[in-house]
Amino acid sequence: MATFRRVHFIGIAGAGMSAVAKLLHDSGVVVTGSDEGVYPPVSDFLKDLGIPYQTSYAAGNLPRDADLIVIGKNAKLVPETNPEVAAAYASGIRIMSFPEVLSEISSAKDTIVVAGAFGKSTSTALFAHCLESLPASSAGYDSSWFIGAIPLTPSTNARMGKGKLFVLEGDEYPSSNTDPRSKFLHYHPRHLLITPIAHDHVNIFPTPADYVAPFIELTKLVPADGSIVMCLEGPLSADVLTRIARPVVTYGVHRGEYHAADIVWGERTRFTLMRGAEKIVSLETNQLGEHNIQNIVGVAAFLLTHNIATPEQIATAIASFRGIRRRLDRKSEKTRLPIFEGFGSSYDKARSAIAAMKQHFPAQRLVVVFEPHTFSWRNRESIGWYDDVFGGASKVYIFEPAAQGAATHAQISQDEIVARVIKAGFDAEPISDPEHALNTIGGSLRADDVVLLLTSGNLGGLIERIPLMAEQKFPL
């Protein structure tokens, strides 16, 4: 990427876009950007890096001397309706998607692509944290990585190291508004770590077969001397596994060559990592839920299979892993009311988050504040998800669905969603105005509650305001 001097990102506030912007920024490239919806943690991330960005789209945002423009995958980033995108295409400046940029950045590395329906962000972050923890004598030392989220550990979401390994979170979503290929198909994988696979992004992949197809294509890109480590426990994992014509190392919590045993749940959960009937090492983590045990087993399986780290080194790294933001991270240490945020972009992610809360807080009333932000949650084809997704919750507040892109699919209304959830037997209530919602939620919370904020959006600012309210009402 040394050929680029100045790069402009349209839609820079996306987790992936901002991470790629960092890789270029750290390489000495002058980076600018623009976006409309910029909120924490990405806004804080860009501020800390010193990357300037505009908070509206305009043709005047384009630097005259830019030699590359990176355009994100967002319904608003099309030349027909976005003046900045239209100006970019009219400028004659080279345009790329961020997966294409990543492909160039990583082309000389041994790439390890982490793909799957859920768990890939956490698994990539854990992988990077383990690599960052290795001594200078290790083959995995000074590695590179790209994480499509903001981690608490490792120290950053994107890094260009001098070592040979490059760990990339690979997303199945289309690369851009002009390139329908899944992002991960750009990443020339030498190795794959495949987390559980379950039907997602129904607006892009209407059927399970449509969803599985790019994963099968991805496995075919691995060279003969590469490898695949795969979880067995996703609803569609077997559909991919049976199509892979090469040896695969398997894992899971309960199934697979690598698995967990003797799990003792707690504030710090302990378990034994197994390879078949062999006990490998005892592990301890503060990450919540069975799905995080699954993530740990998968990363450990890869590191051990490739002799990148010893069992002892893995145990030390896992014990200090703090996870990533928006993936069941505690929102405040100043209130005795436990409040966590889960990334509820799909049914399986929401179910995993709720199950984790019940696993660790079984005696407490679970209050869920949910925002149907992604197309999948707002699509009429997915309305059946609401019949059981909130199982275990005592009270559910449902924020109004996002309006962006509503005309592009069969959008369901907030009233329809709430009615469906109530019909399924849950105590559900609609919320819209953030101020009124804060008063409503605050007035109903009890000292023995536990709260889960479940969204891939911003809940109208309630992600920040509910913890502040709890600090006042239930201080330590």
Protein backbone atom coordinates (compact mmCIF):
# COMPACT_ATOMS: atom_id res chain seq x y z
CA MET A 1 0.00 0.00 0.00
CA ALA A 2 3.04 2.26 -0.17
CA THR A 3 1.77 3.45 -3.58
CA PHE A 4 -1.08 5.30 -1.87
CA ARG A 5 -0.42 8.66 -0.26
CA ARG A 6 -3.94 9.88 0.60
CA VAL A 7 -7.01 7.66 0.98
CA HIS A 8 -10.58 8.78 1.68
CA PHE A 9 -13.18 6.46 3.27
CA ILE A 10 -16.88 7.03 2.54
CA GLY A 11 -18.70 5.27 5.38
CA ILE A 12 -15.66 5.26 7.66
CA ALA A 13 -17.65 4.52 10.84
CA GLY A 14 -18.23 0.88 9.91
CA ALA A 15 -16.22 -1.44 12.14
CA GLY A 16 -14.41 -2.98 9.18
CA MET A 17 -13.91 0.31 7.37
CA SER A 18 -12.38 1.97 10.44
CA ALA A 19 -10.05 -0.98 11.02
CA VAL A 20 -8.74 -0.83 7.45
CA ALA A 21 -8.39 2.93 7.81
CA LYS A 22 -6.16 2.28 10.82
CA LEU A 23 -3.95 -0.16 8.88
CA LEU A 24 -3.36 2.49 6.22
CA HIS A 25 -2.95 5.28 8.78
CA ASP A 26 -0.33 3.25 10.64
CA SER A 27 1.50 2.67 7.35
CA GLY A 28 1.94 6.41 6.89
CA VAL A 29 -0.98 7.00 4.53
CA VAL A 30 -2.99 10.22 5.06
CA VAL A 31 -6.54 9.05 5.82
CA THR A 32 -9.78 11.06 5.87
CA GLY A 33 -13.39 9.97 5.90
CA SER A 34 -17.09 10.69 6.17
CA ASP A 35 -20.17 9.07 7.66
CA GLU A 36 -23.55 10.01 9.09
CA GLY A 37 -24.03 7.55 11.95
CA VAL A 38 -20.88 7.85 14.04
CA TYR A 39 -21.15 6.73 17.64
CA PRO A 40 -19.03 4.91 20.25
CA PRO A 41 -16.94 2.86 20.24
CA VAL A 42 -15.91 3.69 16.64
CA SER A 43 -16.15 7.47 17.16
CA ASP A 44 -13.77 7.20 20.12
CA PHE A 45 -11.48 4.93 18.10
CA LEU A 46 -11.20 7.40 15.20
CA LYS A 47 -10.67 10.30 17.61
CA ASP A 48 -7.85 8.47 19.39
CA LEU A 49 -6.17 7.77 16.05
CA GLY A 50 -6.51 11.40 14.99
CA ILE A 51 -8.28 10.47 11.74
CA PRO A 52 -10.50 13.39 10.66
CA TYR A 53 -13.97 12.72 9.27
CA GLN A 54 -17.08 14.63 8.26
CA THR A 55 -20.46 13.72 9.76
CA SER A 56 -22.46 14.26 6.59
CA TYR A 57 -22.00 13.20 2.99
CA ALA A 58 -21.04 15.90 0.48
CA ALA A 59 -19.06 16.11 -2.73
CA GLY A 60 -16.81 18.68 -1.05
CA ASN A 61 -15.58 16.06 1.42
CA LEU A 62 -13.41 14.43 -1.26
CA PRO A 63 -9.76 15.53 -0.98
CA ARG A 64 -8.57 16.85 -4.32
CA ASP A 65 -5.30 14.95 -4.06
CA ALA A 66 -6.76 11.58 -2.98
CA ASP A 67 -5.39 8.67 -4.99
CA LEU A 68 -7.83 6.08 -3.59
CA ILE A 69 -11.42 6.22 -2.38
CA VAL A 70 -12.81 3.35 -0.30
CA ILE A 71 -16.61 3.08 -0.32
CA GLY A 72 -18.43 1.01 2.31
CA LYS A 73 -21.32 -1.42 1.93
CA ASN A 74 -24.27 0.62 3.12
CA ALA A 75 -27.65 1.20 1.55
CA LYS A 76 -26.99 4.96 1.52
CA LEU A 77 -23.68 4.69 -0.30
CA VAL A 78 -24.93 4.65 -3.89
CA PRO A 79 -24.35 7.35 -6.54
CA GLU A 80 -28.07 7.72 -7.28
CA THR A 81 -28.79 9.21 -3.85
CA ASN A 82 -25.43 10.08 -2.29
CA PRO A 83 -23.67 13.19 -3.64
CA GLU A 84 -20.28 12.17 -2.24
CA VAL A 85 -20.42 8.72 -3.82
CA ALA A 86 -21.56 10.25 -7.11
CA ALA A 87 -18.64 12.70 -7.00
CA ALA A 88 -16.25 9.84 -6.23
CA TYR A 89 -17.31 7.91 -9.35
CA ALA A 90 -17.12 11.08 -11.45
CA SER A 91 -13.66 12.00 -10.15
CA GLY A 92 -11.66 9.36 -12.00
CA ILE A 93 -9.92 8.45 -8.73
CA ARG A 94 -9.45 4.73 -8.13
CA ILE A 95 -12.29 3.20 -6.06
CA MET A 96 -12.03 0.03 -3.97
CA SER A 97 -14.03 -1.78 -1.32
CA PHE A 98 -12.33 -2.42 2.00
CA PRO A 99 -12.07 -6.19 1.31
CA GLU A 100 -10.11 -5.36 -1.85
CA VAL A 101 -7.78 -3.13 0.18
CA LEU A 102 -7.32 -5.89 2.74
CA SER A 103 -6.55 -8.34 -0.05
CA GLU A 104 -3.67 -6.15 -1.22
CA ILE A 105 -2.39 -5.53 2.29
CA SER A 106 -2.30 -9.23 3.17
CA SER A 107 -1.22 -10.70 -0.17
CA ALA A 108 2.35 -11.46 0.94
CA LYS A 109 1.30 -12.99 4.28
CA ASP A 110 0.14 -16.41 5.43
CA THR A 111 -3.51 -15.57 5.92
CA ILE A 112 -5.71 -17.24 8.53
CA VAL A 113 -9.33 -16.32 7.79
CA VAL A 114 -11.85 -16.64 10.63
CA ALA A 115 -15.33 -17.07 9.16
CA GLY A 116 -18.75 -18.21 10.38
CA ALA A 117 -22.21 -16.96 11.28
CA PHE A 118 -21.34 -16.02 14.85
CA GLY A 119 -18.32 -16.00 17.13
CA LYS A 120 -15.91 -14.82 14.44
CA SER A 121 -15.20 -11.37 15.93
CA THR A 122 -14.50 -12.78 19.38
CA SER A 123 -12.50 -15.68 17.95
CA THR A 124 -10.39 -13.33 15.82
CA ALA A 125 -9.77 -11.06 18.81
CA LEU A 126 -8.81 -14.02 21.00
CA PHE A 127 -6.54 -15.34 18.25
CA ALA A 128 -4.82 -11.95 17.96
CA HIS A 129 -4.54 -11.65 21.76
CA CYS A 130 -2.84 -15.05 21.95
CA LEU A 131 -0.41 -14.05 19.19
CA GLU A 132 0.31 -10.71 20.86
CA SER A 133 1.12 -12.59 24.08
CA LEU A 134 3.74 -14.83 22.50
CA PRO A 135 7.47 -14.36 23.15
CA ALA A 136 9.78 -12.99 20.47
CA SER A 137 11.15 -16.47 19.82
CA SER A 138 7.75 -17.77 18.65
CA ALA A 139 6.80 -18.27 15.02
CA GLY A 140 3.60 -16.33 15.70
CA TYR A 141 5.37 -13.28 17.12
CA ASP A 142 4.81 -9.86 15.53
CA SER A 143 1.77 -11.07 13.55
CA SER A 144 -0.80 -8.94 11.76
CA TRP A 145 -4.54 -8.95 12.28
CA PHE A 146 -7.85 -7.40 11.27
CA ILE A 147 -10.85 -7.57 13.63
CA GLY A 148 -14.28 -6.32 12.55
CA ALA A 149 -15.02 -4.95 16.03
CA ILE A 150 -13.31 -2.92 18.75
CA PRO A 151 -11.52 -5.25 21.19
CA LEU A 152 -10.74 -4.76 24.85
CA THR A 153 -7.91 -7.18 24.20
CA PRO A 154 -5.72 -7.29 22.13
CA SER A 155 -4.48 -3.71 22.25
CA THR A 156 -5.99 -2.75 18.88
CA ASN A 157 -8.41 -4.06 16.26
CA ALA A 158 -5.94 -3.86 13.37
CA ARG A 159 -2.18 -4.22 13.21
CA MET A 160 0.49 -4.67 10.54
CA GLY A 161 3.35 -6.70 11.99
CA LYS A 162 6.58 -7.89 10.42
CA GLY A 163 5.80 -11.56 11.02
CA LYS A 164 4.37 -13.94 8.43
CA LEU A 165 0.92 -14.59 9.96
CA PHE A 166 -2.09 -12.38 9.21
CA VAL A 167 -5.37 -13.24 10.99
CA LEU A 168 -8.43 -11.80 9.23
CA GLU A 169 -12.04 -11.80 10.32
CA GLY A 170 -13.90 -12.87 7.21
CA ASP A 171 -17.48 -11.72 6.65
CA GLU A 172 -19.90 -13.45 4.27
CA TYR A 173 -21.73 -10.19 3.56
CA PRO A 174 -21.34 -8.66 0.05
CA SER A 175 -18.15 -6.69 -0.51
CA SER A 176 -19.79 -3.49 -1.74
CA ASN A 177 -22.87 -2.16 -3.48
CA THR A 178 -21.26 -3.04 -6.83
CA ASP A 179 -19.56 -6.31 -5.83
CA PRO A 180 -21.89 -9.10 -4.61
CA ARG A 181 -19.05 -11.45 -3.69
CA SER A 182 -18.71 -12.24 0.00
CA LYS A 183 -15.96 -10.19 1.61
CA PHE A 184 -13.96 -13.23 2.71
CA LEU A 185 -13.57 -14.45 -0.89
CA HIS A 186 -11.04 -11.63 -1.42
CA TYR A 187 -8.71 -12.80 1.34
CA HIS A 188 -6.82 -15.67 -0.41
CA PRO A 189 -6.95 -17.87 2.72
CA ARG A 190 -4.06 -20.19 3.41
CA HIS A 191 -5.87 -21.49 6.49
CA LEU A 192 -9.46 -21.31 7.75
CA LEU A 193 -10.99 -21.26 11.20
CA ILE A 194 -14.73 -21.74 10.68
CA THR A 195 -17.00 -20.93 13.63
CA PRO A 196 -20.64 -22.18 13.78
CA ILE A 197 -22.71 -21.65 10.66
CA ALA A 198 -26.38 -20.67 10.89
CA HIS A 199 -28.70 -18.93 8.43
CA ASP A 200 -28.27 -15.15 8.59
CA HIS A 201 -28.65 -12.04 6.41
CA VAL A 202 -31.90 -13.29 4.93
CA ASN A 203 -32.22 -10.20 2.73
CA ILE A 204 -29.03 -11.27 0.93
CA PHE A 205 -29.27 -15.05 1.40
CA PRO A 206 -32.99 -15.95 1.26
CA THR A 207 -32.48 -19.68 1.85
CA PRO A 208 -30.06 -21.75 3.92
CA ALA A 209 -28.58 -23.09 0.68
CA ASP A 210 -27.88 -19.53 -0.48
CA TYR A 211 -26.16 -18.78 2.81
CA VAL A 212 -23.98 -21.90 2.77
CA ALA A 213 -22.82 -21.42 -0.84
CA PRO A 214 -20.09 -18.78 -0.26
CA PHE A 215 -18.67 -20.78 2.67
CA ILE A 216 -18.28 -23.80 0.41
CA GLU A 217 -16.59 -21.57 -2.17
CA LEU A 218 -14.30 -20.22 0.56
CA THR A 219 -13.12 -23.71 1.56
CA LYS A 220 -12.12 -24.39 -2.05
CA LEU A 221 -9.69 -21.44 -1.99
CA VAL A 222 -7.47 -23.07 0.66
CA PRO A 223 -4.32 -24.48 -1.00
CA ALA A 224 -3.30 -28.13 -0.69
CA ASP A 225 -0.75 -27.31 2.02
CA GLY A 226 -3.25 -25.21 3.97
CA SER A 227 -5.71 -26.33 6.65
CA ILE A 228 -9.27 -26.01 7.92
CA VAL A 229 -10.34 -26.05 11.57
CA MET A 230 -14.14 -26.12 11.87
CA CYS A 231 -16.85 -26.06 14.54
CA LEU A 232 -19.45 -28.84 14.33
CA GLU A 233 -22.16 -27.18 16.39
CA GLY A 234 -23.89 -24.70 14.04
CA PRO A 235 -27.28 -25.61 12.53
CA LEU A 236 -25.77 -25.47 9.03
CA SER A 237 -22.23 -26.57 9.86
CA ALA A 238 -22.81 -30.12 8.60
CA ASP A 239 -24.01 -28.72 5.25
CA VAL A 240 -20.57 -27.23 4.71
CA LEU A 241 -18.52 -30.00 6.32
CA THR A 242 -19.96 -32.69 4.04
CA ARG A 243 -18.89 -30.63 1.01
CA ILE A 244 -15.22 -30.31 2.02
CA ALA A 245 -13.10 -32.89 0.20
CA ARG A 246 -10.07 -32.73 2.49
CA PRO A 247 -9.19 -33.49 6.13
CA VAL A 248 -10.75 -31.08 8.65
CA VAL A 249 -9.86 -30.59 12.32
CA THR A 250 -13.16 -30.35 14.20
CA TYR A 251 -14.12 -28.68 17.48
CA GLY A 252 -17.04 -27.69 19.68
CA VAL A 253 -18.08 -27.46 23.30
CA HIS A 254 -19.56 -30.96 23.28
CA ARG A 255 -18.63 -32.34 19.85
CA GLY A 256 -15.46 -32.55 17.80
CA GLU A 257 -11.87 -33.70 18.11
CA TYR A 258 -11.22 -30.71 20.39
CA HIS A 259 -13.91 -30.06 23.01
CA ALA A 260 -14.50 -28.97 26.60
CA ALA A 261 -15.01 -31.05 29.74
CA ASP A 262 -15.56 -30.47 33.45
CA ILE A 263 -17.04 -26.99 32.97
CA VAL A 264 -17.48 -25.06 36.23
CA TRP A 265 -19.52 -21.91 35.56
CA GLY A 266 -18.89 -18.74 37.51
CA GLU A 267 -17.65 -15.18 37.35
CA ARG A 268 -14.51 -16.89 36.12
CA THR A 269 -15.45 -20.12 34.36
CA ARG A 270 -13.05 -23.07 34.42
CA PHE A 271 -12.92 -26.09 32.11
CA THR A 272 -10.57 -28.70 30.65
CA LEU A 273 -9.56 -28.58 27.00
CA MET A 274 -9.74 -32.06 25.53
CA ARG A 275 -8.38 -33.66 22.35
CA GLY A 276 -10.40 -36.82 22.07
CA ALA A 277 -10.01 -38.56 25.42
CA GLU A 278 -6.76 -36.71 26.20
CA LYS A 279 -6.72 -33.84 28.69
CA ILE A 280 -4.63 -31.03 27.17
CA VAL A 281 -4.79 -28.16 29.67
CA SER A 282 -7.03 -26.53 32.27
CA LEU A 283 -8.37 -23.13 31.17
CA GLU A 284 -10.02 -20.22 32.96
CA THR A 285 -11.94 -17.28 31.47
CA ASN A 286 -14.13 -14.36 32.51
CA GLN A 287 -16.05 -14.48 29.21
CA LEU A 288 -19.74 -15.28 29.62
CA GLY A 289 -21.67 -18.11 28.04
CA GLU A 290 -21.23 -21.46 26.37
CA HIS A 291 -20.61 -19.81 23.01
CA ASN A 292 -17.43 -18.24 24.40
CA ILE A 293 -16.20 -21.65 25.57
CA GLN A 294 -16.77 -22.69 21.98
CA ASN A 295 -14.69 -19.75 20.70
CA ILE A 296 -11.86 -20.57 23.09
CA VAL A 297 -11.80 -24.24 22.10
CA GLY A 298 -11.66 -23.31 18.39
CA VAL A 299 -8.76 -20.89 18.71
CA ALA A 300 -6.87 -23.28 20.99
CA ALA A 301 -7.43 -26.11 18.49
CA PHE A 302 -5.89 -24.04 15.69
CA LEU A 303 -2.91 -22.86 17.74
CA LEU A 304 -2.14 -26.38 18.94
CA THR A 305 -2.68 -28.02 15.55
CA HIS A 306 -0.13 -25.67 13.99
CA ASN A 307 2.30 -25.65 16.94
CA ILE A 308 2.01 -21.86 17.18
CA ALA A 309 1.66 -21.83 20.97
CA THR A 310 2.05 -24.29 23.84
CA PRO A 311 -0.88 -25.30 26.06
CA GLU A 312 0.62 -23.23 28.88
CA GLN A 313 0.96 -20.15 26.69
CA ILE A 314 -2.65 -20.54 25.54
CA ALA A 315 -3.89 -20.88 29.13
CA THR A 316 -2.06 -17.71 30.17
CA ALA A 317 -3.45 -15.71 27.23
CA ILE A 318 -7.03 -16.92 27.71
CA ALA A 319 -6.96 -16.01 31.42
CA SER A 320 -6.13 -12.39 30.53
CA PHE A 321 -8.50 -12.09 27.53
CA ARG A 322 -11.13 -9.40 28.16
CA GLY A 323 -13.15 -9.79 24.97
CA ILE A 324 -14.45 -7.14 22.62
CA ARG A 325 -16.80 -4.22 22.97
CA ARG A 326 -20.50 -4.90 22.37
CA ARG A 327 -20.06 -8.65 22.91
CA LEU A 328 -21.37 -9.14 26.44
CA ASP A 329 -19.09 -6.48 27.90
CA ARG A 330 -20.21 -4.95 31.19
CA LYS A 331 -21.27 -1.35 30.65
CA SER A 332 -20.49 0.08 34.10
CA GLU A 333 -18.53 -0.83 37.21
CA LYS A 334 -20.23 1.97 39.19
CA THR A 335 -23.58 0.26 39.68
CA ARG A 336 -24.53 -2.91 41.50
CA LEU A 337 -27.02 -3.61 38.69
CA PRO A 338 -25.28 -5.86 36.14
CA ILE A 339 -25.73 -4.32 32.67
CA PHE A 340 -24.24 -6.00 29.61
CA GLU A 341 -24.40 -5.27 25.91
CA GLY A 342 -24.84 -8.06 23.39
CA PHE A 343 -24.45 -7.81 19.63
CA GLY A 344 -27.92 -8.89 18.59
CA SER A 345 -27.57 -8.79 14.81
CA SER A 346 -29.10 -12.25 14.27
CA TYR A 347 -31.29 -14.84 15.95
CA ASP A 348 -28.39 -17.08 16.96
CA LYS A 349 -26.35 -14.20 18.38
CA ALA A 350 -29.33 -12.99 20.38
CA ARG A 351 -30.10 -16.47 21.69
CA SER A 352 -26.46 -17.01 22.67
CA ALA A 353 -26.37 -13.72 24.56
CA ILE A 354 -29.61 -14.42 26.43
CA ALA A 355 -28.52 -17.98 27.24
CA ALA A 356 -25.22 -16.62 28.60
CA MET A 357 -27.03 -14.17 30.88
CA LYS A 358 -29.24 -16.94 32.28
CA GLN A 359 -26.22 -19.22 32.66
CA HIS A 360 -24.38 -16.70 34.83
CA PHE A 361 -27.32 -14.96 36.52
CA PRO A 362 -29.86 -17.79 36.92
CA ALA A 363 -31.66 -16.35 39.96
CA GLN A 364 -32.07 -12.79 38.69
CA ARG A 365 -34.84 -11.25 36.63
CA LEU A 366 -33.52 -10.69 33.09
CA VAL A 367 -34.59 -7.42 31.44
CA VAL A 368 -33.82 -7.22 27.71
CA VAL A 369 -33.76 -3.91 25.82
CA PHE A 370 -33.82 -4.92 22.15
CA GLU A 371 -33.47 -3.03 18.89
CA PRO A 372 -34.40 -4.78 15.60
CA HIS A 373 -31.62 -3.02 13.73
CA THR A 374 -30.48 -5.41 10.98
CA PHE A 375 -32.48 -6.27 7.87
CA SER A 376 -32.88 -9.83 9.16
CA TRP A 377 -34.78 -8.68 12.27
CA ARG A 378 -36.95 -6.33 10.22
CA ASN A 379 -37.77 -8.75 7.42
CA ARG A 380 -41.20 -10.37 7.33
CA GLU A 381 -39.61 -13.68 6.37
CA SER A 382 -37.92 -13.75 9.81
CA ILE A 383 -40.91 -12.89 11.97
CA GLY A 384 -40.90 -16.43 13.34
CA TRP A 385 -37.64 -15.62 15.15
CA TYR A 386 -39.69 -13.63 17.67
CA ASP A 387 -41.61 -16.72 18.81
CA ASP A 388 -38.82 -17.97 21.08
CA VAL A 389 -35.77 -15.71 20.80
CA PHE A 390 -36.49 -14.06 24.16
CA GLY A 391 -36.80 -17.32 26.07
CA GLY A 392 -35.48 -16.72 29.59
CA ALA A 393 -36.27 -12.98 29.64
CA SER A 394 -38.72 -11.66 32.23
CA LYS A 395 -39.29 -8.31 30.53
CA VAL A 396 -38.56 -7.19 26.97
CA TYR A 397 -38.49 -3.58 25.75
CA ILE A 398 -38.53 -3.33 21.95
CA PHE A 399 -37.11 -0.19 20.38
CA GLU A 400 -38.51 1.04 17.06
CA PRO A 401 -36.94 -0.69 14.02
CA ALA A 402 -34.38 1.20 11.98
CA ALA A 403 -35.87 2.89 8.91
CA GLN A 404 -32.77 2.75 6.73
CA GLY A 405 -33.38 0.56 3.69
CA ALA A 406 -36.96 -0.20 4.72
CA ALA A 407 -38.19 0.12 1.15
CA THR A 408 -35.73 -2.52 -0.11
CA HIS A 409 -37.37 -5.47 1.67
CA ALA A 410 -40.59 -6.62 3.36
CA GLN A 411 -40.19 -4.54 6.52
CA ILE A 412 -42.31 -5.34 9.57
CA SER A 413 -43.45 -2.63 11.96
CA GLN A 414 -42.73 -2.19 15.65
CA ASP A 415 -46.39 -2.91 16.44
CA GLU A 416 -46.23 -6.21 14.56
CA ILE A 417 -43.04 -7.24 16.34
CA VAL A 418 -44.38 -6.40 19.80
CA ALA A 419 -47.67 -8.18 19.08
CA ARG A 420 -45.79 -11.29 17.94
CA VAL A 421 -43.60 -11.31 21.06
CA ILE A 422 -46.61 -10.86 23.36
CA LYS A 423 -48.48 -13.63 21.53
CA ALA A 424 -45.46 -15.88 22.18
CA GLY A 425 -46.03 -15.36 25.90
CA PHE A 426 -43.45 -12.70 26.77
CA ASP A 427 -43.97 -9.46 28.70
CA ALA A 428 -43.07 -7.02 25.94
CA GLU A 429 -43.45 -3.27 25.61
CA PRO A 430 -42.61 -0.85 22.76
CA ILE A 431 -40.25 2.08 23.30
CA SER A 432 -39.39 4.85 20.85
CA ASP A 433 -38.55 8.27 22.27
CA PRO A 434 -35.24 7.80 24.15
CA GLU A 435 -36.18 10.17 26.99
CA HIS A 436 -39.52 8.49 27.59
CA ALA A 437 -37.92 5.07 27.21
CA LEU A 438 -35.30 5.90 29.83
CA ASN A 439 -37.97 6.91 32.31
CA THR A 440 -40.06 3.84 31.54
CA ILE A 441 -37.17 1.40 31.92
CA GLY A 442 -35.76 3.18 34.97
CA GLY A 443 -39.09 3.12 36.72
CA SER A 444 -39.42 -0.65 36.34
CA LEU A 445 -35.91 -1.82 37.24
CA ARG A 446 -35.29 -3.56 40.55
CA ALA A 447 -32.07 -4.05 42.49
CA ASP A 448 -32.09 -7.80 41.79
CA ASP A 449 -32.39 -7.40 38.00
CA VAL A 450 -29.79 -8.02 35.32
CA VAL A 451 -30.03 -6.02 32.08
CA LEU A 452 -29.08 -7.03 28.55
CA LEU A 453 -28.89 -4.33 25.87
CA LEU A 454 -29.31 -6.24 22.62
CA THR A 455 -28.63 -4.44 19.33
CA SER A 456 -26.22 -3.87 16.48
CA GLY A 457 -27.24 -0.20 16.41
CA ASN A 458 -27.24 2.52 19.05
CA LEU A 459 -30.67 2.16 20.70
CA GLY A 460 -31.21 5.88 20.27
CA GLY A 461 -28.35 6.59 22.67
CA LEU A 462 -29.75 4.32 25.40
CA ILE A 463 -26.58 2.19 25.40
CA GLU A 464 -24.83 5.04 27.16
CA ARG A 465 -27.80 6.48 29.07
CA ILE A 466 -29.16 3.34 30.76
CA PRO A 467 -25.87 2.59 32.58
CA LEU A 468 -25.64 6.23 33.73
CA MET A 469 -29.19 6.03 35.04
CA ALA A 470 -28.38 2.78 36.88
CA GLU A 471 -25.32 4.39 38.47
CA GLN A 472 -27.64 6.97 40.02
CA LYS A 473 -30.43 4.60 41.00
CA PHE A 474 -28.34 1.59 42.07
CA PRO A 475 -24.87 2.93 43.00
CA LEU A 476 -22.19 0.68 44.40
